């Protein structure tokens, strides 16, 4: 039976802990775990903790942590994904799969053909929603460190600010991804549902990005990061 694994948004250490209300509700009311059940917790620091439930109430759950160890190592290739904002489940899918594939940072981008506009309170809610998706993906895939999910910014601002040894913009007419030498850090620029305009691709090149293609077919905005990150991890990362 697979050990239940949960992210706790607070520093962990050996000993007894009262779990936050959200995790307590999920463990006690949804999973219906009982005292004595083994659990594995992580706090995003890279450390993992084994323990067992001590008390399970309607609103509170306490756990005794008795073993700590280093979690799954992060990929040596540090990847920053600049993902064009897309609607609903497409953006959720991109963030979930990017997390599973080991990306270190994700920045949602507002570009010319972007159909989504987020402001103020709505933007804050979406950012919290995306972070929860990343947390769930880490719980599932075994990562011990959460990717950083930045607030949405304009494409131009991100291009000016992002730092990486190799910066790539996906484009159907370009050299293959494998034509580049192994970098230590990588920035990927992927357009929204309508793609990037020719002017935006040229602007990216002006900021040090190289155009790269994945193959002969044009991929959807939610498919492109999965393929691009998989190929990059195979060529230069931990696949």
C-alpha atoms as a PDB file:
ATOM      1  CA  UNK A   1       0.000   0.000   0.000  1.00  0.00           C
ATOM      2  CA  UNK A   2       1.353   3.426  -0.946  1.00  0.00           C
ATOM      3  CA  UNK A   3       2.313   5.711   1.929  1.00  0.00           C
ATOM      4  CA  UNK A   4       0.167   8.858   2.171  1.00  0.00           C
ATOM      5  CA  UNK A   5       2.343  11.918   1.481  1.00  0.00           C
ATOM      6  CA  UNK A   6       1.396  15.529   2.250  1.00  0.00           C
ATOM      7  CA  UNK A   7       2.894  19.001   1.867  1.00  0.00           C
ATOM      8  CA  UNK A   8       2.805  21.132   5.032  1.00  0.00           C
ATOM      9  CA  UNK A   9       3.226  24.869   4.517  1.00  0.00           C
ATOM     10  CA  UNK A  10       5.245  25.343   7.708  1.00  0.00           C
ATOM     11  CA  UNK A  11       8.728  24.257   8.878  1.00  0.00           C
ATOM     12  CA  UNK A  12       8.813  20.644  10.060  1.00  0.00           C
ATOM     13  CA  UNK A  13      11.068  18.899  12.571  1.00  0.00           C
ATOM     14  CA  UNK A  14      11.112  15.654  14.504  1.00  0.00           C
ATOM     15  CA  UNK A  15       8.487  15.406  17.219  1.00  0.00           C
ATOM     16  CA  UNK A  16       4.792  16.120  17.492  1.00  0.00           C
ATOM     17  CA  UNK A  17       2.943  18.577  15.230  1.00  0.00           C
ATOM     18  CA  UNK A  18      -0.606  19.814  14.888  1.00  0.00           C
ATOM     19  CA  UNK A  19      -1.441  19.863  11.201  1.00  0.00           C
ATOM     20  CA  UNK A  20      -3.031  22.887   9.483  1.00  0.00           C
ATOM     21  CA  UNK A  21      -6.807  22.803   9.194  1.00  0.00           C
ATOM     22  CA  UNK A  22      -6.895  22.068   5.453  1.00  0.00           C
ATOM     23  CA  UNK A  23      -4.661  19.000   5.761  1.00  0.00           C
ATOM     24  CA  UNK A  24      -6.440  17.922   8.940  1.00  0.00           C
ATOM     25  CA  UNK A  25      -9.805  17.998   7.152  1.00  0.00           C
ATOM     26  CA  UNK A  26      -8.460  16.048   4.176  1.00  0.00           C
ATOM     27  CA  UNK A  27      -6.779  13.399   6.324  1.00  0.00           C
ATOM     28  CA  UNK A  28      -9.595  12.982   8.837  1.00  0.00           C
ATOM     29  CA  UNK A  29     -12.753  13.639   6.844  1.00  0.00           C
ATOM     30  CA  UNK A  30     -11.840  12.736   3.250  1.00  0.00           C
ATOM     31  CA  UNK A  31      -9.259   9.961   3.559  1.00  0.00           C
ATOM     32  CA  UNK A  32     -10.630   8.876   6.957  1.00  0.00           C
ATOM     33  CA  UNK A  33      -7.204   7.858   8.221  1.00  0.00           C
ATOM     34  CA  UNK A  34      -7.123   6.629  11.805  1.00  0.00           C
ATOM     35  CA  UNK A  35      -4.574   7.058  14.610  1.00  0.00           C
ATOM     36  CA  UNK A  36      -1.560   4.862  13.948  1.00  0.00           C
ATOM     37  CA  UNK A  37      -1.647   5.382  10.195  1.00  0.00           C
ATOM     38  CA  UNK A  38       1.796   6.019   8.702  1.00  0.00           C
ATOM     39  CA  UNK A  39       2.316   9.308   6.823  1.00  0.00           C
ATOM     40  CA  UNK A  40       5.111  11.098   5.023  1.00  0.00           C
ATOM     41  CA  UNK A  41       5.318  14.899   5.184  1.00  0.00           C
ATOM     42  CA  UNK A  42       7.466  17.506   3.458  1.00  0.00           C
ATOM     43  CA  UNK A  43       7.699  21.280   3.836  1.00  0.00           C
ATOM     44  CA  UNK A  44       9.392  22.318   0.584  1.00  0.00           C
ATOM     45  CA  UNK A  45      12.857  22.537   2.143  1.00  0.00           C
ATOM     46  CA  UNK A  46      14.079  19.360   0.460  1.00  0.00           C
ATOM     47  CA  UNK A  47      13.658  17.235   3.600  1.00  0.00           C
ATOM     48  CA  UNK A  48      11.089  14.462   4.076  1.00  0.00           C
ATOM     49  CA  UNK A  49       9.621  13.238   7.376  1.00  0.00           C
ATOM     50  CA  UNK A  50       8.133   9.875   8.299  1.00  0.00           C
ATOM     51  CA  UNK A  51       5.701   9.563  11.159  1.00  0.00           C
ATOM     52  CA  UNK A  52       2.303   8.375  12.262  1.00  0.00           C
ATOM     53  CA  UNK A  53      -0.976   9.953  13.187  1.00  0.00           C
ATOM     54  CA  UNK A  54      -1.446  10.322  16.929  1.00  0.00           C
ATOM     55  CA  UNK A  55      -4.864  11.971  17.168  1.00  0.00           C
ATOM     56  CA  UNK A  56      -7.533  12.383  14.486  1.00  0.00           C
ATOM     57  CA  UNK A  57     -10.471  14.644  15.322  1.00  0.00           C
ATOM     58  CA  UNK A  58     -13.150  16.398  13.317  1.00  0.00           C
ATOM     59  CA  UNK A  59     -11.143  19.618  13.063  1.00  0.00           C
ATOM     60  CA  UNK A  60      -7.647  18.711  14.231  1.00  0.00           C
ATOM     61  CA  UNK A  61      -5.037  16.088  13.463  1.00  0.00           C
ATOM     62  CA  UNK A  62      -1.708  15.590  15.217  1.00  0.00           C
ATOM     63  CA  UNK A  63       1.245  13.583  13.976  1.00  0.00           C
ATOM     64  CA  UNK A  64       4.442  12.292  15.567  1.00  0.00           C
ATOM     65  CA  UNK A  65       7.431  12.564  13.206  1.00  0.00           C
ATOM     66  CA  UNK A  66      10.214  10.125  14.038  1.00  0.00           C
ATOM     67  CA  UNK A  67      12.495  10.032  10.988  1.00  0.00           C
ATOM     68  CA  UNK A  68      13.901  12.678   8.626  1.00  0.00           C
ATOM     69  CA  UNK A  69      15.818  12.187   5.397  1.00  0.00           C
ATOM     70  CA  UNK A  70      16.808  14.029   2.232  1.00  0.00           C
ATOM     71  CA  UNK A  71      14.122  14.023  -0.416  1.00  0.00           C
ATOM     72  CA  UNK A  72      14.322  13.473  -4.144  1.00  0.00           C
ATOM     73  CA  UNK A  73      17.165  15.512  -5.642  1.00  0.00           C
ATOM     74  CA  UNK A  74      16.132  18.373  -7.896  1.00  0.00           C
ATOM     75  CA  UNK A  75      17.319  18.244 -11.534  1.00  0.00           C
ATOM     76  CA  UNK A  76      20.785  19.668 -12.152  1.00  0.00           C
ATOM     77  CA  UNK A  77      19.297  21.535 -15.110  1.00  0.00           C
ATOM     78  CA  UNK A  78      17.394  24.512 -13.702  1.00  0.00           C
ATOM     79  CA  UNK A  79      14.466  25.385 -15.974  1.00  0.00           C
ATOM     80  CA  UNK A  80      12.354  28.539 -15.942  1.00  0.00           C
ATOM     81  CA  UNK A  81       9.167  28.162 -17.978  1.00  0.00           C
ATOM     82  CA  UNK A  82       7.541  31.265 -19.404  1.00  0.00           C
ATOM     83  CA  UNK A  83       4.056  30.045 -20.311  1.00  0.00           C
ATOM     84  CA  UNK A  84       1.568  32.145 -22.245  1.00  0.00           C
ATOM     85  CA  UNK A  85      -1.653  32.511 -20.266  1.00  0.00           C
ATOM     86  CA  UNK A  86      -4.420  30.238 -21.472  1.00  0.00           C
ATOM     87  CA  UNK A  87      -7.919  29.492 -20.319  1.00  0.00           C
ATOM     88  CA  UNK A  88      -8.935  27.268 -17.389  1.00  0.00           C
ATOM     89  CA  UNK A  89      -7.821  23.682 -17.535  1.00  0.00           C
ATOM     90  CA  UNK A  90      -5.181  24.291 -20.197  1.00  0.00           C
ATOM     91  CA  UNK A  91      -3.121  26.481 -17.882  1.00  0.00           C
ATOM     92  CA  UNK A  92      -3.747  24.107 -14.978  1.00  0.00           C
ATOM     93  CA  UNK A  93      -2.523  21.194 -17.083  1.00  0.00           C
ATOM     94  CA  UNK A  94       0.634  23.057 -18.136  1.00  0.00           C
ATOM     95  CA  UNK A  95       1.514  23.907 -14.517  1.00  0.00           C
ATOM     96  CA  UNK A  96       0.775  20.401 -13.262  1.00  0.00           C
ATOM     97  CA  UNK A  97       2.886  18.685 -15.912  1.00  0.00           C
ATOM     98  CA  UNK A  98       5.712  21.228 -15.712  1.00  0.00           C
ATOM     99  CA  UNK A  99       5.912  20.536 -11.983  1.00  0.00           C
ATOM    100  CA  UNK A 100       6.042  16.786 -12.555  1.00  0.00           C
ATOM    101  CA  UNK A 101       8.787  17.296 -15.136  1.00  0.00           C
ATOM    102  CA  UNK A 102      11.041  19.143 -12.694  1.00  0.00           C
ATOM    103  CA  UNK A 103      10.717  22.790 -13.708  1.00  0.00           C
ATOM    104  CA  UNK A 104      12.159  25.181 -11.108  1.00  0.00           C
ATOM    105  CA  UNK A 105      10.150  28.332 -11.939  1.00  0.00           C
ATOM    106  CA  UNK A 106       6.969  29.113 -13.853  1.00  0.00           C
ATOM    107  CA  UNK A 107       5.900  32.577 -14.987  1.00  0.00           C
ATOM    108  CA  UNK A 108       2.492  33.064 -16.663  1.00  0.00           C
ATOM    109  CA  UNK A 109       2.872  35.551 -19.508  1.00  0.00           C
ATOM    110  CA  UNK A 110       0.502  38.108 -20.991  1.00  0.00           C
ATOM    111  CA  UNK A 111       1.180  38.451 -24.715  1.00  0.00           C
ATOM    112  CA  UNK A 112      -0.456  39.974 -27.796  1.00  0.00           C
ATOM    113  CA  UNK A 113      -2.731  37.002 -28.576  1.00  0.00           C
ATOM    114  CA  UNK A 114      -3.452  36.086 -24.970  1.00  0.00           C
ATOM    115  CA  UNK A 115      -7.213  35.695 -24.392  1.00  0.00           C
ATOM    116  CA  UNK A 116      -6.968  35.807 -20.593  1.00  0.00           C
ATOM    117  CA  UNK A 117      -6.652  38.983 -18.542  1.00  0.00           C
ATOM    118  CA  UNK A 118      -6.196  38.779 -14.779  1.00  0.00           C
ATOM    119  CA  UNK A 119      -6.240  41.746 -12.418  1.00  0.00           C
ATOM    120  CA  UNK A 120      -6.032  42.336  -8.676  1.00  0.00           C
ATOM    121  CA  UNK A 121      -8.171  39.929  -6.629  1.00  0.00           C
ATOM    122  CA  UNK A 122      -8.812  37.561  -9.519  1.00  0.00           C
ATOM    123  CA  UNK A 123      -5.090  37.347 -10.237  1.00  0.00           C
ATOM    124  CA  UNK A 124      -4.378  36.570  -6.575  1.00  0.00           C
ATOM    125  CA  UNK A 125      -6.965  33.773  -6.598  1.00  0.00           C
ATOM    126  CA  UNK A 126      -5.539  32.243  -9.762  1.00  0.00           C
ATOM    127  CA  UNK A 127      -2.016  32.391  -8.353  1.00  0.00           C
ATOM    128  CA  UNK A 128      -3.152  30.584  -5.201  1.00  0.00           C
ATOM    129  CA  UNK A 129      -4.994  28.051  -7.365  1.00  0.00           C
ATOM    130  CA  UNK A 130      -1.890  27.389  -9.496  1.00  0.00           C
ATOM    131  CA  UNK A 131       0.255  26.989  -6.387  1.00  0.00           C
ATOM    132  CA  UNK A 132      -2.155  24.367  -5.057  1.00  0.00           C
ATOM    133  CA  UNK A 133      -1.941  22.512  -8.366  1.00  0.00           C
ATOM    134  CA  UNK A 134       1.859  22.504  -8.060  1.00  0.00           C
ATOM    135  CA  UNK A 135       1.614  21.276  -4.460  1.00  0.00           C
ATOM    136  CA  UNK A 136      -0.667  18.393  -5.463  1.00  0.00           C
ATOM    137  CA  UNK A 137       1.682  17.510  -8.315  1.00  0.00           C
ATOM    138  CA  UNK A 138       4.659  17.456  -5.916  1.00  0.00           C
ATOM    139  CA  UNK A 139       2.746  15.238  -3.496  1.00  0.00           C
ATOM    140  CA  UNK A 140       2.028  12.813  -6.312  1.00  0.00           C
ATOM    141  CA  UNK A 141       5.379  12.748  -8.117  1.00  0.00           C
ATOM    142  CA  UNK A 142       7.703  12.732  -5.117  1.00  0.00           C
ATOM    143  CA  UNK A 143       9.314  16.165  -5.423  1.00  0.00           C
ATOM    144  CA  UNK A 144      10.432  17.642  -2.111  1.00  0.00           C
ATOM    145  CA  UNK A 145      10.847  21.222  -3.379  1.00  0.00           C
ATOM    146  CA  UNK A 146       8.005  23.241  -4.848  1.00  0.00           C
ATOM    147  CA  UNK A 147       8.532  25.154  -8.081  1.00  0.00           C
ATOM    148  CA  UNK A 148       8.275  28.928  -7.747  1.00  0.00           C
ATOM    149  CA  UNK A 149       5.136  30.205  -9.485  1.00  0.00           C
ATOM    150  CA  UNK A 150       5.400  33.909 -10.189  1.00  0.00           C
ATOM    151  CA  UNK A 151       2.552  36.342 -10.675  1.00  0.00           C
ATOM    152  CA  UNK A 152       1.623  36.950 -14.325  1.00  0.00           C
ATOM    153  CA  UNK A 153       3.746  39.563 -16.098  1.00  0.00           C
ATOM    154  CA  UNK A 154       3.936  40.967 -19.600  1.00  0.00           C
ATOM    155  CA  UNK A 155       5.939  39.056 -22.155  1.00  0.00           C
ATOM    156  CA  UNK A 156       8.242  42.025 -22.648  1.00  0.00           C
ATOM    157  CA  UNK A 157       9.019  42.360 -18.931  1.00  0.00           C
ATOM    158  CA  UNK A 158       9.794  38.647 -18.582  1.00  0.00           C
ATOM    159  CA  UNK A 159      12.074  38.620 -21.611  1.00  0.00           C
ATOM    160  CA  UNK A 160      14.041  41.520 -20.186  1.00  0.00           C
ATOM    161  CA  UNK A 161      14.393  40.023 -16.700  1.00  0.00           C
ATOM    162  CA  UNK A 162      14.785  36.259 -17.069  1.00  0.00           C
ATOM    163  CA  UNK A 163      18.297  34.910 -16.605  1.00  0.00           C
ATOM    164  CA  UNK A 164      19.500  31.585 -18.040  1.00  0.00           C
ATOM    165  CA  UNK A 165      22.527  30.218 -19.840  1.00  0.00           C
ATOM    166  CA  UNK A 166      20.304  29.133 -22.740  1.00  0.00           C
ATOM    167  CA  UNK A 167      17.043  30.880 -23.636  1.00  0.00           C
ATOM    168  CA  UNK A 168      14.719  29.257 -26.156  1.00  0.00           C
ATOM    169  CA  UNK A 169      11.479  30.312 -27.812  1.00  0.00           C
ATOM    170  CA  UNK A 170       9.521  27.522 -29.459  1.00  0.00           C
ATOM    171  CA  UNK A 171       8.846  28.172 -33.118  1.00  0.00           C
ATOM    172  CA  UNK A 172       7.801  25.797 -35.924  1.00  0.00           C
ATOM    173  CA  UNK A 173      10.480  27.161 -38.299  1.00  0.00           C
ATOM    174  CA  UNK A 174      13.799  26.873 -36.477  1.00  0.00           C
ATOM    175  CA  UNK A 175      16.696  24.578 -35.645  1.00  0.00           C
ATOM    176  CA  UNK A 176      15.890  21.414 -33.635  1.00  0.00           C
ATOM    177  CA  UNK A 177      16.171  21.605 -29.862  1.00  0.00           C
ATOM    178  CA  UNK A 178      18.976  19.036 -29.888  1.00  0.00           C
ATOM    179  CA  UNK A 179      21.236  21.342 -31.943  1.00  0.00           C
ATOM    180  CA  UNK A 180      22.135  23.303 -28.781  1.00  0.00           C
ATOM    181  CA  UNK A 181      24.933  22.383 -26.365  1.00  0.00           C
ATOM    182  CA  UNK A 182      24.131  21.308 -22.813  1.00  0.00           C
ATOM    183  CA  UNK A 183      23.318  24.350 -20.611  1.00  0.00           C
ATOM    184  CA  UNK A 184      23.340  24.593 -16.815  1.00  0.00           C
ATOM    185  CA  UNK A 185      20.138  26.654 -16.828  1.00  0.00           C
ATOM    186  CA  UNK A 186      17.363  27.030 -19.361  1.00  0.00           C
ATOM    187  CA  UNK A 187      14.505  29.450 -20.032  1.00  0.00           C
ATOM    188  CA  UNK A 188      11.662  28.229 -22.236  1.00  0.00           C
ATOM    189  CA  UNK A 189       9.212  30.653 -23.842  1.00  0.00           C
ATOM    190  CA  UNK A 190       5.924  29.087 -24.965  1.00  0.00           C
ATOM    191  CA  UNK A 191       3.094  31.089 -26.466  1.00  0.00           C
ATOM    192  CA  UNK A 192      -0.628  31.142 -25.576  1.00  0.00           C
ATOM    193  CA  UNK A 193      -3.474  29.472 -27.482  1.00  0.00           C
ATOM    194  CA  UNK A 194      -3.087  31.835 -30.439  1.00  0.00           C
ATOM    195  CA  UNK A 195       0.686  31.477 -30.476  1.00  0.00           C
ATOM    196  CA  UNK A 196       3.304  34.217 -30.497  1.00  0.00           C
ATOM    197  CA  UNK A 197       3.251  36.825 -33.248  1.00  0.00           C
ATOM    198  CA  UNK A 198       6.207  37.169 -35.595  1.00  0.00           C
ATOM    199  CA  UNK A 199       7.039  40.472 -33.902  1.00  0.00           C
ATOM    200  CA  UNK A 200       7.094  38.780 -30.468  1.00  0.00           C
ATOM    201  CA  UNK A 201       9.414  36.048 -31.724  1.00  0.00           C
ATOM    202  CA  UNK A 202      11.747  38.677 -33.166  1.00  0.00           C
ATOM    203  CA  UNK A 203      11.597  40.597 -29.902  1.00  0.00           C
ATOM    204  CA  UNK A 204      12.539  37.425 -28.020  1.00  0.00           C
ATOM    205  CA  UNK A 205      15.553  36.966 -30.291  1.00  0.00           C
ATOM    206  CA  UNK A 206      16.545  40.565 -29.542  1.00  0.00           C
ATOM    207  CA  UNK A 207      16.600  39.627 -25.844  1.00  0.00           C
ATOM    208  CA  UNK A 208      18.899  36.653 -26.404  1.00  0.00           C
ATOM    209  CA  UNK A 209      16.401  33.875 -27.113  1.00  0.00           C
ATOM    210  CA  UNK A 210      17.111  31.286 -29.800  1.00  0.00           C
ATOM    211  CA  UNK A 211      14.253  29.885 -31.861  1.00  0.00           C
ATOM    212  CA  UNK A 212      13.926  26.101 -31.536  1.00  0.00           C
ATOM    213  CA  UNK A 213      11.473  23.535 -32.827  1.00  0.00           C
ATOM    214  CA  UNK A 214      10.332  20.194 -31.447  1.00  0.00           C
ATOM    215  CA  UNK A 215       9.249  18.534 -34.660  1.00  0.00           C
ATOM    216  CA  UNK A 216       7.133  18.905 -37.806  1.00  0.00           C
ATOM    217  CA  UNK A 217       3.777  19.357 -36.045  1.00  0.00           C
ATOM    218  CA  UNK A 218       2.453  22.463 -34.321  1.00  0.00           C
ATOM    219  CA  UNK A 219       1.592  21.614 -30.706  1.00  0.00           C
ATOM    220  CA  UNK A 220      -1.163  23.095 -28.567  1.00  0.00           C
ATOM    221  CA  UNK A 221      -0.151  25.507 -25.803  1.00  0.00           C
ATOM    222  CA  UNK A 222      -0.740  22.890 -23.078  1.00  0.00           C
ATOM    223  CA  UNK A 223       1.072  20.145 -25.024  1.00  0.00           C
ATOM    224  CA  UNK A 224       4.165  22.161 -25.915  1.00  0.00           C
ATOM    225  CA  UNK A 225       5.588  22.485 -22.359  1.00  0.00           C
ATOM    226  CA  UNK A 226       5.164  18.754 -21.714  1.00  0.00           C
ATOM    227  CA  UNK A 227       7.073  17.842 -24.865  1.00  0.00           C
ATOM    228  CA  UNK A 228       9.667  20.614 -24.565  1.00  0.00           C
ATOM    229  CA  UNK A 229      10.483  19.856 -20.938  1.00  0.00           C
ATOM    230  CA  UNK A 230      10.605  16.109 -21.587  1.00  0.00           C
ATOM    231  CA  UNK A 231      13.030  16.562 -24.480  1.00  0.00           C
ATOM    232  CA  UNK A 232      15.175  18.986 -22.458  1.00  0.00           C
ATOM    233  CA  UNK A 233      15.347  16.591 -19.504  1.00  0.00           C
ATOM    234  CA  UNK A 234      16.266  13.757 -21.864  1.00  0.00           C
ATOM    235  CA  UNK A 235      18.988  15.771 -23.598  1.00  0.00           C
ATOM    236  CA  UNK A 236      20.448  17.703 -20.665  1.00  0.00           C
ATOM    237  CA  UNK A 237      18.643  16.763 -17.448  1.00  0.00           C
ATOM    238  CA  UNK A 238      17.867  13.732 -15.298  1.00  0.00           C
ATOM    239  CA  UNK A 239      15.848  11.532 -17.668  1.00  0.00           C
END
